[in-house]
Amino acid sequence: MGFDYFYGRDAESFKFIRLPIVLIEDERYKGLSIEAKVLYSMYLSRASLSYKNNWVDEHSRVYIYFTVEETSEQLACGIKKSIKLIKDLENFGLITKRREGQGKPTKIYVKDFMSIFRKKNQDL
């Protein structure tokens, strides 16, 4: 492949997700796969959009919609892998899912990965 260079402002013309470095460096997150961290970063990006669209529940908590199929498509993996990654995030405590009933998509609440550090400082 013969990739070209970025010229001028070309480098600013892309949409990015942000992967917080604390998810890579901190020991608390070592048990989470890089794929799950990337998915969580995608969820964070989506949560920002949800907030702008006022997708908040009765407790002012932001939620997103991100289906298993969308996960498979975005991460170029199978359904089973997508389900595992979502389950990993849920088991780790970084997301909570709430089913809305038949025919409606599941709400995903993306939890604040930094809140454990704030709680630790409050205990001091």
Protein backbone atom coordinates (compact mmCIF):
# COMPACT_ATOMS: atom_id res chain seq x y z
CA MET A 1 0.00 0.00 0.00
CA GLY A 2 1.24 3.43 -0.84
CA PHE A 3 -0.19 5.79 1.76
CA ASP A 4 0.24 9.49 1.12
CA TYR A 5 1.26 12.15 3.67
CA PHE A 6 -1.04 14.58 5.41
CA TYR A 7 -0.77 18.06 3.96
CA GLY A 8 -1.76 21.26 5.77
CA ARG A 9 -5.06 21.01 7.60
CA ASP A 10 -5.87 17.56 6.17
CA ALA A 11 -4.96 16.03 9.54
CA GLU A 12 -7.88 17.88 11.17
CA SER A 13 -10.51 16.54 8.78
CA PHE A 14 -11.24 13.22 10.49
CA LYS A 15 -13.66 12.06 13.12
CA PHE A 16 -11.87 10.45 16.08
CA ILE A 17 -12.75 8.60 19.22
CA ARG A 18 -10.75 9.37 22.32
CA LEU A 19 -9.26 6.51 24.27
CA PRO A 20 -8.44 7.82 27.74
CA ILE A 21 -4.84 6.92 28.56
CA VAL A 22 -5.85 5.97 32.11
CA LEU A 23 -7.66 2.96 30.61
CA ILE A 24 -4.32 1.80 29.21
CA GLU A 25 -1.96 2.71 32.04
CA ASP A 26 -3.87 2.23 35.30
CA GLU A 27 -3.71 -1.19 36.95
CA ARG A 28 -7.44 -1.15 37.66
CA TYR A 29 -8.17 -1.51 33.94
CA LYS A 30 -5.52 -4.14 33.08
CA GLY A 31 -8.13 -6.90 33.09
CA LEU A 32 -10.09 -5.29 30.28
CA SER A 33 -9.17 -6.16 26.68
CA ILE A 34 -8.08 -3.45 24.26
CA GLU A 35 -11.17 -4.23 22.14
CA ALA A 36 -13.42 -3.58 25.14
CA LYS A 37 -11.56 -0.33 25.83
CA VAL A 38 -12.06 0.77 22.22
CA LEU A 39 -15.76 -0.08 22.45
CA TYR A 40 -16.03 1.87 25.70
CA SER A 41 -14.36 4.83 23.96
CA MET A 42 -16.95 4.57 21.19
CA TYR A 43 -19.65 4.59 23.87
CA LEU A 44 -18.12 7.72 25.42
CA SER A 45 -18.26 9.43 22.05
CA ARG A 46 -21.88 8.39 21.59
CA ALA A 47 -22.72 9.59 25.12
CA SER A 48 -21.52 13.06 24.20
CA LEU A 49 -23.91 13.06 21.25
CA SER A 50 -26.73 11.71 23.43
CA TYR A 51 -26.22 14.54 25.88
CA LYS A 52 -26.46 17.09 23.07
CA ASN A 53 -29.72 15.43 21.98
CA ASN A 54 -31.04 15.48 25.57
CA TRP A 55 -31.19 11.70 25.85
CA VAL A 56 -31.32 11.65 29.63
CA ASP A 57 -33.55 9.70 31.96
CA GLU A 58 -35.66 10.91 34.88
CA HIS A 59 -32.49 10.98 37.06
CA SER A 60 -30.55 13.12 34.52
CA ARG A 61 -28.37 10.15 33.57
CA VAL A 62 -27.24 10.10 29.94
CA TYR A 63 -27.95 6.94 27.95
CA ILE A 64 -27.04 5.73 24.49
CA TYR A 65 -28.31 3.28 21.93
CA PHE A 66 -25.64 1.02 20.44
CA THR A 67 -26.82 -2.36 19.24
CA VAL A 68 -24.91 -5.63 19.11
CA GLU A 69 -25.17 -5.49 15.33
CA GLU A 70 -23.74 -1.98 15.27
CA THR A 71 -20.90 -3.14 17.50
CA SER A 72 -20.15 -6.03 15.13
CA GLU A 73 -20.14 -3.70 12.15
CA GLN A 74 -18.03 -0.99 13.77
CA LEU A 75 -15.43 -3.37 15.20
CA ALA A 76 -15.50 -5.76 12.22
CA CYS A 77 -16.15 -8.78 14.41
CA GLY A 78 -18.82 -11.41 14.86
CA ILE A 79 -21.96 -11.19 16.95
CA LYS A 80 -20.56 -13.55 19.62
CA LYS A 81 -17.45 -11.38 20.02
CA SER A 82 -19.61 -8.23 20.23
CA ILE A 83 -21.80 -9.78 22.91
CA LYS A 84 -18.68 -10.79 24.86
CA LEU A 85 -17.20 -7.29 24.69
CA ILE A 86 -20.44 -5.69 25.83
CA LYS A 87 -20.73 -8.24 28.64
CA ASP A 88 -17.12 -7.55 29.66
CA LEU A 89 -17.88 -3.83 30.00
CA GLU A 90 -21.02 -4.64 31.97
CA ASN A 91 -19.22 -7.09 34.30
CA PHE A 92 -16.43 -4.58 34.81
CA GLY A 93 -19.04 -2.01 35.87
CA LEU A 94 -18.38 0.51 33.11
CA ILE A 95 -21.87 0.21 31.61
CA THR A 96 -25.34 -0.73 32.73
CA LYS A 97 -28.00 -1.91 30.30
CA ARG A 98 -31.72 -1.36 30.69
CA ARG A 99 -34.13 -3.21 28.45
CA GLU A 100 -37.05 -1.07 27.37
CA GLY A 101 -39.41 -3.80 26.25
CA GLN A 102 -40.23 -5.77 23.14
CA GLY A 103 -39.34 -4.04 19.92
CA LYS A 104 -37.50 -1.20 21.64
CA PRO A 105 -33.71 -0.89 21.76
CA THR A 106 -31.83 -1.41 25.00
CA LYS A 107 -30.61 1.72 26.74
CA ILE A 108 -26.95 1.67 27.69
CA TYR A 109 -25.77 3.85 30.53
CA VAL A 110 -22.07 4.63 30.17
CA LYS A 111 -20.52 5.03 33.58
CA ASP A 112 -17.79 7.50 34.50
CA PHE A 113 -14.44 5.66 34.43
CA MET A 114 -12.84 8.42 36.55
CA SER A 115 -15.38 8.29 39.38
CA ILE A 116 -13.41 5.60 41.23
CA PHE A 117 -10.51 8.04 41.57
CA ARG A 118 -12.75 10.80 42.93
CA LYS A 119 -14.29 8.42 45.47
CA LYS A 120 -10.82 7.32 46.57
CA ASN A 121 -9.80 10.96 47.17
CA GLN A 122 -12.99 11.65 49.13
CA ASP A 123 -12.17 8.78 51.48
CA LEU A 124 -8.81 10.32 52.41
